[in-house]
């Protein structure tokens, strides 16, 4: 069986845009890297259920999102002055696209048009006090996506906060709750348990995973546990990056940039406790993103600085990873998306 994977990249050195690579499950190898379309630093991307592609873009000093039809034909770009966003998510029910802009501390909302292109709706700035870390000089919105009850959740690395918003069908947002993390956590990304009202928050600055209970009544989060993603004897620099959860909700995965590893956790039956069961090398430098295959049998890691992908087999019973292939060329890859 051939599974297709889309790769988002930086285009600072050798990359030309958005790439595709194939995972052959018969041979358990990654093959046939091809350039899907030229694009300037498409560092994060996703697809809608209708197979439209939405990608971060940087164009002549402006940043925003590009849209592509199912045949990868360019539809439009919605940009504004300044740095590009760092995250994109699709809201199928409301036909919206959300963007997080790290450099501006913005939450951006766009309406999906009948032809699949985008139109800007609104931008929201976070003005709360920032954290004490040197990288918390201002608000740094890093993630925005939906909660299980279809609210919008936003991680802000600069303010050490996780915001919850109600959203109208037109894309207007209203804040309903704010979770304040411990100082210098640097909330980057989170994932929800597939069948429990529990989220797992990755702190970039302190390399931590926080287990958060989510209250549907008011959109608030409450911390239940916080653990490190690093070995106790590690003294080098590290930044948390991506976090994923298995389809069955039994295992959690987090990537470390610096330690260059994937931390694997077993999740307790109630979802409120996690335990480290493996730390495995990514066989490259700066694993900014990774993804589990739809069947959860494989994991693909993108190592940004070493321009390579690493492929692992995943044991569905015990959650452990075993390396199958490394040194698979992928220029400046920073986003992994299974089609």
C-alpha atoms as a PDB file:
ATOM      1  CA  UNK A   1       0.000   0.000   0.000  1.00  0.00           C
ATOM      2  CA  UNK A   2       1.213   3.493  -0.878  1.00  0.00           C
ATOM      3  CA  UNK A   3       0.439   6.326   1.538  1.00  0.00           C
ATOM      4  CA  UNK A   4       1.116   9.875   0.379  1.00  0.00           C
ATOM      5  CA  UNK A   5       2.636  12.437   2.715  1.00  0.00           C
ATOM      6  CA  UNK A   6       2.783  16.192   2.141  1.00  0.00           C
ATOM      7  CA  UNK A   7       5.773  18.094   3.513  1.00  0.00           C
ATOM      8  CA  UNK A   8       5.840  21.757   4.456  1.00  0.00           C
ATOM      9  CA  UNK A   9       9.250  23.425   4.451  1.00  0.00           C
ATOM     10  CA  UNK A  10      11.280  26.550   4.942  1.00  0.00           C
ATOM     11  CA  UNK A  11      12.791  27.863   1.699  1.00  0.00           C
ATOM     12  CA  UNK A  12      15.788  29.595   3.228  1.00  0.00           C
ATOM     13  CA  UNK A  13      18.461  27.311   1.761  1.00  0.00           C
ATOM     14  CA  UNK A  14      17.623  24.524  -0.676  1.00  0.00           C
ATOM     15  CA  UNK A  15      13.875  23.898  -0.569  1.00  0.00           C
ATOM     16  CA  UNK A  16      11.554  25.142  -3.319  1.00  0.00           C
ATOM     17  CA  UNK A  17       8.182  24.764  -1.614  1.00  0.00           C
ATOM     18  CA  UNK A  18       5.652  22.017  -0.860  1.00  0.00           C
ATOM     19  CA  UNK A  19       6.775  18.431  -1.420  1.00  0.00           C
ATOM     20  CA  UNK A  20       5.172  15.008  -1.480  1.00  0.00           C
ATOM     21  CA  UNK A  21       6.745  11.683  -0.548  1.00  0.00           C
ATOM     22  CA  UNK A  22       5.340   8.161  -0.534  1.00  0.00           C
ATOM     23  CA  UNK A  23       5.321   5.604   2.264  1.00  0.00           C
ATOM     24  CA  UNK A  24       5.343   2.078   0.838  1.00  0.00           C
ATOM     25  CA  UNK A  25       3.965  -0.121   3.615  1.00  0.00           C
ATOM     26  CA  UNK A  26       4.931  -3.301   1.748  1.00  0.00           C
ATOM     27  CA  UNK A  27       8.638  -2.442   1.845  1.00  0.00           C
ATOM     28  CA  UNK A  28       8.334  -0.095   4.850  1.00  0.00           C
ATOM     29  CA  UNK A  29      10.271   2.651   3.107  1.00  0.00           C
ATOM     30  CA  UNK A  30       9.856   6.289   2.123  1.00  0.00           C
ATOM     31  CA  UNK A  31      10.362   6.930  -1.601  1.00  0.00           C
ATOM     32  CA  UNK A  32       9.731   9.239  -4.545  1.00  0.00           C
ATOM     33  CA  UNK A  33      10.154  12.750  -3.179  1.00  0.00           C
ATOM     34  CA  UNK A  34       8.538  15.205  -5.616  1.00  0.00           C
ATOM     35  CA  UNK A  35       7.891  18.952  -5.621  1.00  0.00           C
ATOM     36  CA  UNK A  36       4.119  19.519  -5.559  1.00  0.00           C
ATOM     37  CA  UNK A  37       4.259  23.271  -6.007  1.00  0.00           C
ATOM     38  CA  UNK A  38       6.678  26.126  -5.562  1.00  0.00           C
ATOM     39  CA  UNK A  39       5.841  28.216  -2.507  1.00  0.00           C
ATOM     40  CA  UNK A  40       7.814  30.526  -0.236  1.00  0.00           C
ATOM     41  CA  UNK A  41       8.371  28.978   3.213  1.00  0.00           C
ATOM     42  CA  UNK A  42       5.181  26.897   3.489  1.00  0.00           C
ATOM     43  CA  UNK A  43       6.108  26.019   7.062  1.00  0.00           C
ATOM     44  CA  UNK A  44       2.729  24.611   8.073  1.00  0.00           C
ATOM     45  CA  UNK A  45      -0.135  23.215   6.038  1.00  0.00           C
ATOM     46  CA  UNK A  46      -3.322  21.201   6.201  1.00  0.00           C
ATOM     47  CA  UNK A  47      -6.133  19.963   3.976  1.00  0.00           C
ATOM     48  CA  UNK A  48      -9.902  20.266   4.172  1.00  0.00           C
ATOM     49  CA  UNK A  49     -12.271  17.323   3.844  1.00  0.00           C
ATOM     50  CA  UNK A  50     -12.845  18.453   0.258  1.00  0.00           C
ATOM     51  CA  UNK A  51      -9.095  18.072  -0.398  1.00  0.00           C
ATOM     52  CA  UNK A  52      -8.268  21.778  -0.636  1.00  0.00           C
ATOM     53  CA  UNK A  53      -4.774  22.607   0.617  1.00  0.00           C
ATOM     54  CA  UNK A  54      -4.108  25.582   2.902  1.00  0.00           C
ATOM     55  CA  UNK A  55      -0.499  26.584   3.471  1.00  0.00           C
ATOM     56  CA  UNK A  56       1.491  29.263   5.236  1.00  0.00           C
ATOM     57  CA  UNK A  57       3.132  31.625   2.755  1.00  0.00           C
ATOM     58  CA  UNK A  58       5.607  34.529   2.740  1.00  0.00           C
ATOM     59  CA  UNK A  59       5.364  36.879  -0.243  1.00  0.00           C
ATOM     60  CA  UNK A  60       7.410  40.063  -0.734  1.00  0.00           C
ATOM     61  CA  UNK A  61       7.488  41.096   2.912  1.00  0.00           C
ATOM     62  CA  UNK A  62       3.957  39.920   3.586  1.00  0.00           C
ATOM     63  CA  UNK A  63       2.754  36.806   5.364  1.00  0.00           C
ATOM     64  CA  UNK A  64      -0.460  34.819   5.255  1.00  0.00           C
ATOM     65  CA  UNK A  65      -1.989  31.746   3.676  1.00  0.00           C
ATOM     66  CA  UNK A  66      -2.194  30.269   0.186  1.00  0.00           C
ATOM     67  CA  UNK A  67      -5.024  28.042  -0.996  1.00  0.00           C
ATOM     68  CA  UNK A  68      -4.827  25.263  -3.594  1.00  0.00           C
ATOM     69  CA  UNK A  69      -7.502  23.141  -5.239  1.00  0.00           C
ATOM     70  CA  UNK A  70      -7.457  19.304  -5.113  1.00  0.00           C
ATOM     71  CA  UNK A  71      -5.273  19.246  -8.245  1.00  0.00           C
ATOM     72  CA  UNK A  72      -2.752  21.531  -6.480  1.00  0.00           C
ATOM     73  CA  UNK A  73      -3.650  24.523  -8.642  1.00  0.00           C
ATOM     74  CA  UNK A  74      -3.096  27.850  -6.878  1.00  0.00           C
ATOM     75  CA  UNK A  75      -6.348  29.625  -5.952  1.00  0.00           C
ATOM     76  CA  UNK A  76      -5.354  32.706  -3.970  1.00  0.00           C
ATOM     77  CA  UNK A  77      -3.151  34.127  -1.240  1.00  0.00           C
ATOM     78  CA  UNK A  78      -4.430  36.239   1.635  1.00  0.00           C
ATOM     79  CA  UNK A  79      -1.522  38.187   3.123  1.00  0.00           C
ATOM     80  CA  UNK A  80      -0.727  41.258   5.193  1.00  0.00           C
ATOM     81  CA  UNK A  81       2.394  43.205   6.083  1.00  0.00           C
ATOM     82  CA  UNK A  82       4.846  41.429   8.340  1.00  0.00           C
ATOM     83  CA  UNK A  83       5.870  37.914   9.266  1.00  0.00           C
ATOM     84  CA  UNK A  84       3.994  34.807   8.183  1.00  0.00           C
ATOM     85  CA  UNK A  85       1.840  32.664  10.501  1.00  0.00           C
ATOM     86  CA  UNK A  86       3.110  29.382  11.955  1.00  0.00           C
ATOM     87  CA  UNK A  87      -0.028  27.223  12.232  1.00  0.00           C
ATOM     88  CA  UNK A  88      -3.196  26.594  10.235  1.00  0.00           C
ATOM     89  CA  UNK A  89      -6.374  24.631  11.015  1.00  0.00           C
ATOM     90  CA  UNK A  90      -9.679  24.054   9.214  1.00  0.00           C
ATOM     91  CA  UNK A  91     -13.130  24.353  10.820  1.00  0.00           C
ATOM     92  CA  UNK A  92     -15.344  22.213   8.581  1.00  0.00           C
ATOM     93  CA  UNK A  93     -18.654  22.986  10.308  1.00  0.00           C
ATOM     94  CA  UNK A  94     -18.260  26.767  10.072  1.00  0.00           C
ATOM     95  CA  UNK A  95     -16.190  26.682   6.858  1.00  0.00           C
ATOM     96  CA  UNK A  96     -13.418  28.708   8.452  1.00  0.00           C
ATOM     97  CA  UNK A  97      -9.639  28.573   8.522  1.00  0.00           C
ATOM     98  CA  UNK A  98      -7.694  29.666  11.604  1.00  0.00           C
ATOM     99  CA  UNK A  99      -4.119  30.875  11.709  1.00  0.00           C
ATOM    100  CA  UNK A 100      -1.664  31.512  14.542  1.00  0.00           C
ATOM    101  CA  UNK A 101       1.014  34.152  14.008  1.00  0.00           C
ATOM    102  CA  UNK A 102       3.980  33.744  16.355  1.00  0.00           C
ATOM    103  CA  UNK A 103       5.782  36.962  15.484  1.00  0.00           C
ATOM    104  CA  UNK A 104       2.692  39.176  15.698  1.00  0.00           C
ATOM    105  CA  UNK A 105       0.948  37.420  18.579  1.00  0.00           C
ATOM    106  CA  UNK A 106      -2.163  37.199  16.405  1.00  0.00           C
ATOM    107  CA  UNK A 107      -5.096  34.879  15.944  1.00  0.00           C
ATOM    108  CA  UNK A 108      -6.339  35.157  12.347  1.00  0.00           C
ATOM    109  CA  UNK A 109      -9.675  33.951  11.012  1.00  0.00           C
ATOM    110  CA  UNK A 110     -10.570  33.370   7.351  1.00  0.00           C
ATOM    111  CA  UNK A 111     -13.767  32.332   5.572  1.00  0.00           C
ATOM    112  CA  UNK A 112     -13.594  29.534   3.021  1.00  0.00           C
ATOM    113  CA  UNK A 113     -15.197  30.722  -0.218  1.00  0.00           C
ATOM    114  CA  UNK A 114     -17.382  28.511  -2.467  1.00  0.00           C
ATOM    115  CA  UNK A 115     -14.395  27.810  -4.752  1.00  0.00           C
ATOM    116  CA  UNK A 116     -12.154  26.865  -1.804  1.00  0.00           C
ATOM    117  CA  UNK A 117     -10.198  30.117  -1.720  1.00  0.00           C
ATOM    118  CA  UNK A 118      -9.862  32.232   1.433  1.00  0.00           C
ATOM    119  CA  UNK A 119     -11.115  35.649   2.532  1.00  0.00           C
ATOM    120  CA  UNK A 120      -9.864  37.370   5.683  1.00  0.00           C
ATOM    121  CA  UNK A 121     -12.415  37.862   8.480  1.00  0.00           C
ATOM    122  CA  UNK A 122     -10.692  39.131  11.613  1.00  0.00           C
ATOM    123  CA  UNK A 123      -7.444  39.351  13.582  1.00  0.00           C
ATOM    124  CA  UNK A 124      -7.092  39.323  17.359  1.00  0.00           C
ATOM    125  CA  UNK A 125      -4.037  40.418  19.358  1.00  0.00           C
ATOM    126  CA  UNK A 126      -3.097  39.143  22.812  1.00  0.00           C
ATOM    127  CA  UNK A 127      -2.158  42.012  25.149  1.00  0.00           C
ATOM    128  CA  UNK A 128      -1.697  40.197  28.456  1.00  0.00           C
ATOM    129  CA  UNK A 129       1.586  40.401  30.420  1.00  0.00           C
ATOM    130  CA  UNK A 130       4.367  38.265  28.979  1.00  0.00           C
ATOM    131  CA  UNK A 131       6.446  35.634  30.726  1.00  0.00           C
ATOM    132  CA  UNK A 132       9.957  36.049  32.210  1.00  0.00           C
ATOM    133  CA  UNK A 133      11.872  33.975  29.616  1.00  0.00           C
ATOM    134  CA  UNK A 134      14.031  35.766  27.039  1.00  0.00           C
ATOM    135  CA  UNK A 135      11.803  34.366  24.280  1.00  0.00           C
ATOM    136  CA  UNK A 136       8.712  35.847  25.927  1.00  0.00           C
ATOM    137  CA  UNK A 137       9.343  39.451  24.875  1.00  0.00           C
ATOM    138  CA  UNK A 138       5.744  39.755  23.633  1.00  0.00           C
ATOM    139  CA  UNK A 139       2.727  37.636  22.784  1.00  0.00           C
ATOM    140  CA  UNK A 140       3.655  34.691  20.541  1.00  0.00           C
ATOM    141  CA  UNK A 141       0.566  32.835  19.350  1.00  0.00           C
ATOM    142  CA  UNK A 142       1.715  29.382  18.245  1.00  0.00           C
ATOM    143  CA  UNK A 143      -1.333  27.140  17.866  1.00  0.00           C
ATOM    144  CA  UNK A 144      -5.050  27.418  17.199  1.00  0.00           C
ATOM    145  CA  UNK A 145      -7.536  24.599  16.672  1.00  0.00           C
ATOM    146  CA  UNK A 146     -10.900  23.285  17.813  1.00  0.00           C
ATOM    147  CA  UNK A 147     -11.850  21.731  21.130  1.00  0.00           C
ATOM    148  CA  UNK A 148     -14.037  18.593  21.104  1.00  0.00           C
ATOM    149  CA  UNK A 149     -17.092  20.812  21.717  1.00  0.00           C
ATOM    150  CA  UNK A 150     -16.173  23.083  18.791  1.00  0.00           C
ATOM    151  CA  UNK A 151     -14.769  26.027  20.691  1.00  0.00           C
ATOM    152  CA  UNK A 152     -11.453  27.494  19.587  1.00  0.00           C
ATOM    153  CA  UNK A 153      -8.328  26.992  21.700  1.00  0.00           C
ATOM    154  CA  UNK A 154      -5.189  29.106  21.239  1.00  0.00           C
ATOM    155  CA  UNK A 155      -1.712  28.553  22.728  1.00  0.00           C
ATOM    156  CA  UNK A 156       0.404  31.659  23.339  1.00  0.00           C
ATOM    157  CA  UNK A 157       4.054  30.947  24.072  1.00  0.00           C
ATOM    158  CA  UNK A 158       4.807  34.547  25.010  1.00  0.00           C
ATOM    159  CA  UNK A 159       2.082  35.060  27.616  1.00  0.00           C
ATOM    160  CA  UNK A 160       2.176  31.535  29.120  1.00  0.00           C
ATOM    161  CA  UNK A 161      -1.539  31.297  28.421  1.00  0.00           C
ATOM    162  CA  UNK A 162      -4.041  29.039  26.691  1.00  0.00           C
ATOM    163  CA  UNK A 163      -7.150  30.890  25.537  1.00  0.00           C
ATOM    164  CA  UNK A 164     -10.593  29.441  24.824  1.00  0.00           C
ATOM    165  CA  UNK A 165     -12.988  31.250  22.481  1.00  0.00           C
ATOM    166  CA  UNK A 166     -16.533  30.888  21.272  1.00  0.00           C
ATOM    167  CA  UNK A 167     -16.773  31.315  17.495  1.00  0.00           C
ATOM    168  CA  UNK A 168     -19.685  32.468  15.339  1.00  0.00           C
ATOM    169  CA  UNK A 169     -20.401  31.011  11.906  1.00  0.00           C
ATOM    170  CA  UNK A 170     -19.073  34.271  10.467  1.00  0.00           C
ATOM    171  CA  UNK A 171     -15.740  33.787  12.234  1.00  0.00           C
ATOM    172  CA  UNK A 172     -16.038  36.342  15.029  1.00  0.00           C
ATOM    173  CA  UNK A 173     -14.471  35.166  18.304  1.00  0.00           C
ATOM    174  CA  UNK A 174     -15.246  35.879  21.957  1.00  0.00           C
ATOM    175  CA  UNK A 175     -12.973  34.878  24.840  1.00  0.00           C
ATOM    176  CA  UNK A 176     -14.625  32.577  27.390  1.00  0.00           C
ATOM    177  CA  UNK A 177     -11.699  31.251  29.469  1.00  0.00           C
ATOM    178  CA  UNK A 178      -7.946  31.623  30.002  1.00  0.00           C
ATOM    179  CA  UNK A 179      -5.602  28.998  31.436  1.00  0.00           C
ATOM    180  CA  UNK A 180      -2.400  30.449  32.913  1.00  0.00           C
ATOM    181  CA  UNK A 181       0.516  28.025  32.758  1.00  0.00           C
ATOM    182  CA  UNK A 182       3.501  28.052  35.084  1.00  0.00           C
ATOM    183  CA  UNK A 183       6.025  30.820  34.235  1.00  0.00           C
ATOM    184  CA  UNK A 184       8.396  29.966  31.357  1.00  0.00           C
ATOM    185  CA  UNK A 185       6.294  27.027  30.167  1.00  0.00           C
ATOM    186  CA  UNK A 186       5.878  28.556  26.720  1.00  0.00           C
ATOM    187  CA  UNK A 187       2.676  26.829  25.514  1.00  0.00           C
ATOM    188  CA  UNK A 188       3.328  25.713  21.939  1.00  0.00           C
ATOM    189  CA  UNK A 189       0.914  22.976  20.847  1.00  0.00           C
ATOM    190  CA  UNK A 190      -1.710  20.751  22.430  1.00  0.00           C
ATOM    191  CA  UNK A 191      -3.685  17.653  21.517  1.00  0.00           C
ATOM    192  CA  UNK A 192      -6.964  16.376  22.909  1.00  0.00           C
ATOM    193  CA  UNK A 193      -7.638  12.829  24.003  1.00  0.00           C
ATOM    194  CA  UNK A 194      -9.786  11.156  21.302  1.00  0.00           C
ATOM    195  CA  UNK A 195     -12.645  10.323  23.672  1.00  0.00           C
ATOM    196  CA  UNK A 196     -12.087  12.261  26.906  1.00  0.00           C
ATOM    197  CA  UNK A 197     -12.229  15.943  27.780  1.00  0.00           C
ATOM    198  CA  UNK A 198      -8.492  16.025  28.451  1.00  0.00           C
ATOM    199  CA  UNK A 199      -5.750  17.931  26.633  1.00  0.00           C
ATOM    200  CA  UNK A 200      -1.986  17.441  26.618  1.00  0.00           C
ATOM    201  CA  UNK A 201      -0.095  20.738  26.392  1.00  0.00           C
ATOM    202  CA  UNK A 202       3.502  20.886  25.146  1.00  0.00           C
ATOM    203  CA  UNK A 203       5.623  23.630  26.693  1.00  0.00           C
ATOM    204  CA  UNK A 204       8.352  24.670  24.267  1.00  0.00           C
ATOM    205  CA  UNK A 205      10.454  26.644  26.727  1.00  0.00           C
ATOM    206  CA  UNK A 206      10.609  24.185  29.625  1.00  0.00           C
ATOM    207  CA  UNK A 207      10.242  20.982  27.538  1.00  0.00           C
ATOM    208  CA  UNK A 208       7.192  19.819  29.456  1.00  0.00           C
ATOM    209  CA  UNK A 209       3.884  18.082  28.869  1.00  0.00           C
ATOM    210  CA  UNK A 210       0.988  19.236  31.045  1.00  0.00           C
ATOM    211  CA  UNK A 211      -2.131  17.109  31.416  1.00  0.00           C
ATOM    212  CA  UNK A 212      -5.140  19.447  31.435  1.00  0.00           C
ATOM    213  CA  UNK A 213      -8.734  18.569  32.277  1.00  0.00           C
ATOM    214  CA  UNK A 214     -11.134  20.487  30.018  1.00  0.00           C
ATOM    215  CA  UNK A 215     -14.487  21.720  31.372  1.00  0.00           C
ATOM    216  CA  UNK A 216     -17.161  21.911  28.671  1.00  0.00           C
ATOM    217  CA  UNK A 217     -19.361  24.070  30.887  1.00  0.00           C
ATOM    218  CA  UNK A 218     -17.094  27.114  30.753  1.00  0.00           C
ATOM    219  CA  UNK A 219     -14.199  26.212  28.434  1.00  0.00           C
ATOM    220  CA  UNK A 220     -11.613  26.227  31.232  1.00  0.00           C
ATOM    221  CA  UNK A 221      -8.571  23.996  31.742  1.00  0.00           C
ATOM    222  CA  UNK A 222      -7.200  22.607  35.022  1.00  0.00           C
ATOM    223  CA  UNK A 223      -3.711  21.109  35.320  1.00  0.00           C
ATOM    224  CA  UNK A 224      -3.576  17.531  36.635  1.00  0.00           C
ATOM    225  CA  UNK A 225       0.064  16.608  35.956  1.00  0.00           C
ATOM    226  CA  UNK A 226       3.221  18.076  34.459  1.00  0.00           C
ATOM    227  CA  UNK A 227       6.243  16.061  33.326  1.00  0.00           C
ATOM    228  CA  UNK A 228       9.489  16.726  31.482  1.00  0.00           C
ATOM    229  CA  UNK A 229      10.204  15.368  28.010  1.00  0.00           C
ATOM    230  CA  UNK A 230      13.954  15.211  28.713  1.00  0.00           C
ATOM    231  CA  UNK A 231      16.247  12.820  30.599  1.00  0.00           C
ATOM    232  CA  UNK A 232      17.269  14.139  34.014  1.00  0.00           C
ATOM    233  CA  UNK A 233      20.955  14.193  33.049  1.00  0.00           C
ATOM    234  CA  UNK A 234      20.463  16.268  29.855  1.00  0.00           C
ATOM    235  CA  UNK A 235      22.031  19.725  30.215  1.00  0.00           C
ATOM    236  CA  UNK A 236      21.977  21.062  26.650  1.00  0.00           C
ATOM    237  CA  UNK A 237      19.551  23.473  25.028  1.00  0.00           C
ATOM    238  CA  UNK A 238      16.192  22.090  23.949  1.00  0.00           C
ATOM    239  CA  UNK A 239      12.895  23.312  22.599  1.00  0.00           C
ATOM    240  CA  UNK A 240       9.679  21.336  22.596  1.00  0.00           C
ATOM    241  CA  UNK A 241       8.120  21.021  19.150  1.00  0.00           C
ATOM    242  CA  UNK A 242       5.281  18.694  18.065  1.00  0.00           C
ATOM    243  CA  UNK A 243       2.909  16.536  20.107  1.00  0.00           C
ATOM    244  CA  UNK A 244       0.646  13.713  18.853  1.00  0.00           C
ATOM    245  CA  UNK A 245      -1.661  11.141  20.383  1.00  0.00           C
ATOM    246  CA  UNK A 246      -2.553   7.653  19.163  1.00  0.00           C
ATOM    247  CA  UNK A 247      -6.042   6.993  17.803  1.00  0.00           C
ATOM    248  CA  UNK A 248      -6.878   4.775  20.782  1.00  0.00           C
ATOM    249  CA  UNK A 249      -5.799   7.414  23.311  1.00  0.00           C
ATOM    250  CA  UNK A 250      -3.301   5.090  24.990  1.00  0.00           C
ATOM    251  CA  UNK A 251       0.006   6.688  23.931  1.00  0.00           C
ATOM    252  CA  UNK A 252       1.393  10.193  23.574  1.00  0.00           C
ATOM    253  CA  UNK A 253       4.399  11.353  21.525  1.00  0.00           C
ATOM    254  CA  UNK A 254       6.433  14.578  21.754  1.00  0.00           C
ATOM    255  CA  UNK A 255       9.498  15.754  19.809  1.00  0.00           C
ATOM    256  CA  UNK A 256      12.537  17.477  21.320  1.00  0.00           C
ATOM    257  CA  UNK A 257      14.625  19.913  19.245  1.00  0.00           C
ATOM    258  CA  UNK A 258      18.113  19.897  20.740  1.00  0.00           C
ATOM    259  CA  UNK A 259      17.967  16.529  22.444  1.00  0.00           C
ATOM    260  CA  UNK A 260      16.707  15.375  19.015  1.00  0.00           C
ATOM    261  CA  UNK A 261      14.390  12.702  20.287  1.00  0.00           C
ATOM    262  CA  UNK A 262      10.814  11.506  20.456  1.00  0.00           C
ATOM    263  CA  UNK A 263       9.500  11.031  23.989  1.00  0.00           C
ATOM    264  CA  UNK A 264       6.859   8.302  24.234  1.00  0.00           C
ATOM    265  CA  UNK A 265       4.325   8.198  27.069  1.00  0.00           C
ATOM    266  CA  UNK A 266       1.786   5.643  28.200  1.00  0.00           C
ATOM    267  CA  UNK A 267      -1.515   7.290  29.114  1.00  0.00           C
ATOM    268  CA  UNK A 268      -3.449   6.039  32.138  1.00  0.00           C
ATOM    269  CA  UNK A 269      -6.927   4.650  31.547  1.00  0.00           C
ATOM    270  CA  UNK A 270      -8.543   7.799  32.943  1.00  0.00           C
ATOM    271  CA  UNK A 271      -6.296   9.962  30.738  1.00  0.00           C
ATOM    272  CA  UNK A 272      -5.105  12.100  33.644  1.00  0.00           C
ATOM    273  CA  UNK A 273      -1.623  10.604  34.153  1.00  0.00           C
ATOM    274  CA  UNK A 274       1.176   9.891  31.689  1.00  0.00           C
ATOM    275  CA  UNK A 275       4.369   7.879  32.142  1.00  0.00           C
ATOM    276  CA  UNK A 276       7.513   8.015  30.000  1.00  0.00           C
ATOM    277  CA  UNK A 277       8.190   4.612  28.431  1.00  0.00           C
ATOM    278  CA  UNK A 278      10.678   5.462  25.658  1.00  0.00           C
ATOM    279  CA  UNK A 279      13.006   8.179  24.415  1.00  0.00           C
ATOM    280  CA  UNK A 280      14.287   7.449  20.913  1.00  0.00           C
ATOM    281  CA  UNK A 281      16.682   9.401  18.685  1.00  0.00           C
ATOM    282  CA  UNK A 282      15.241  11.119  15.617  1.00  0.00           C
ATOM    283  CA  UNK A 283      18.463  10.346  13.721  1.00  0.00           C
ATOM    284  CA  UNK A 284      18.757  13.963  12.639  1.00  0.00           C
ATOM    285  CA  UNK A 285      18.858  17.546  13.868  1.00  0.00           C
ATOM    286  CA  UNK A 286      15.893  19.664  15.019  1.00  0.00           C
ATOM    287  CA  UNK A 287      12.769  17.467  14.686  1.00  0.00           C
ATOM    288  CA  UNK A 288      10.270  20.288  14.297  1.00  0.00           C
ATOM    289  CA  UNK A 289       7.358  18.064  13.302  1.00  0.00           C
ATOM    290  CA  UNK A 290       6.254  14.459  12.976  1.00  0.00           C
ATOM    291  CA  UNK A 291       3.052  12.561  12.270  1.00  0.00           C
ATOM    292  CA  UNK A 292       1.488   9.174  12.865  1.00  0.00           C
ATOM    293  CA  UNK A 293       0.127   7.379   9.809  1.00  0.00           C
ATOM    294  CA  UNK A 294      -3.692   7.132   9.694  1.00  0.00           C
ATOM    295  CA  UNK A 295      -3.525   3.485  10.837  1.00  0.00           C
ATOM    296  CA  UNK A 296      -0.967   4.473  13.511  1.00  0.00           C
ATOM    297  CA  UNK A 297       1.437   1.756  12.322  1.00  0.00           C
ATOM    298  CA  UNK A 298       4.147   4.246  11.322  1.00  0.00           C
ATOM    299  CA  UNK A 299       5.654   7.537  12.449  1.00  0.00           C
ATOM    300  CA  UNK A 300       7.481   9.956  10.145  1.00  0.00           C
ATOM    301  CA  UNK A 301       9.755  12.638  11.652  1.00  0.00           C
ATOM    302  CA  UNK A 302      11.031  15.745   9.845  1.00  0.00           C
ATOM    303  CA  UNK A 303      14.486  16.907  10.962  1.00  0.00           C
ATOM    304  CA  UNK A 304      14.713  20.532   9.852  1.00  0.00           C
ATOM    305  CA  UNK A 305      18.421  21.307  10.075  1.00  0.00           C
ATOM    306  CA  UNK A 306      19.727  18.000   8.694  1.00  0.00           C
ATOM    307  CA  UNK A 307      17.252  17.884   5.771  1.00  0.00           C
ATOM    308  CA  UNK A 308      16.113  14.336   6.449  1.00  0.00           C
ATOM    309  CA  UNK A 309      13.105  12.257   7.364  1.00  0.00           C
ATOM    310  CA  UNK A 310      13.180   9.280   9.708  1.00  0.00           C
ATOM    311  CA  UNK A 311      10.636   6.451   9.507  1.00  0.00           C
ATOM    312  CA  UNK A 312       9.608   4.313  12.481  1.00  0.00           C
ATOM    313  CA  UNK A 313       7.377   1.310  12.894  1.00  0.00           C
ATOM    314  CA  UNK A 314       4.942   1.785  15.759  1.00  0.00           C
ATOM    315  CA  UNK A 315       3.766  -1.110  17.911  1.00  0.00           C
ATOM    316  CA  UNK A 316       0.030  -0.630  18.396  1.00  0.00           C
ATOM    317  CA  UNK A 317       0.032  -2.758  21.546  1.00  0.00           C
ATOM    318  CA  UNK A 318       2.821  -1.177  23.586  1.00  0.00           C
ATOM    319  CA  UNK A 319       3.205   2.141  21.737  1.00  0.00           C
ATOM    320  CA  UNK A 320       6.965   1.778  21.253  1.00  0.00           C
ATOM    321  CA  UNK A 321       8.818   2.959  18.149  1.00  0.00           C
ATOM    322  CA  UNK A 322      11.492   1.097  16.186  1.00  0.00           C
ATOM    323  CA  UNK A 323      13.531   2.829  13.507  1.00  0.00           C
ATOM    324  CA  UNK A 324      13.089   1.540   9.940  1.00  0.00           C
ATOM    325  CA  UNK A 325      14.756   4.156   7.747  1.00  0.00           C
ATOM    326  CA  UNK A 326      16.786   7.320   8.228  1.00  0.00           C
ATOM    327  CA  UNK A 327      18.647   9.835   6.073  1.00  0.00           C
ATOM    328  CA  UNK A 328      15.694  10.177   3.690  1.00  0.00           C
ATOM    329  CA  UNK A 329      16.331  13.488   1.947  1.00  0.00           C
ATOM    330  CA  UNK A 330      13.695  16.170   2.518  1.00  0.00           C
ATOM    331  CA  UNK A 331      14.915  19.785   2.211  1.00  0.00           C
ATOM    332  CA  UNK A 332      14.201  21.983   5.247  1.00  0.00           C
ATOM    333  CA  UNK A 333      11.112  19.926   6.124  1.00  0.00           C
ATOM    334  CA  UNK A 334       9.157  21.258   9.111  1.00  0.00           C
ATOM    335  CA  UNK A 335       5.608  19.909   8.622  1.00  0.00           C
ATOM    336  CA  UNK A 336       4.443  16.321   8.027  1.00  0.00           C
ATOM    337  CA  UNK A 337       0.870  15.710   6.813  1.00  0.00           C
ATOM    338  CA  UNK A 338      -0.532  12.313   5.836  1.00  0.00           C
ATOM    339  CA  UNK A 339      -3.155  12.599   3.095  1.00  0.00           C
END
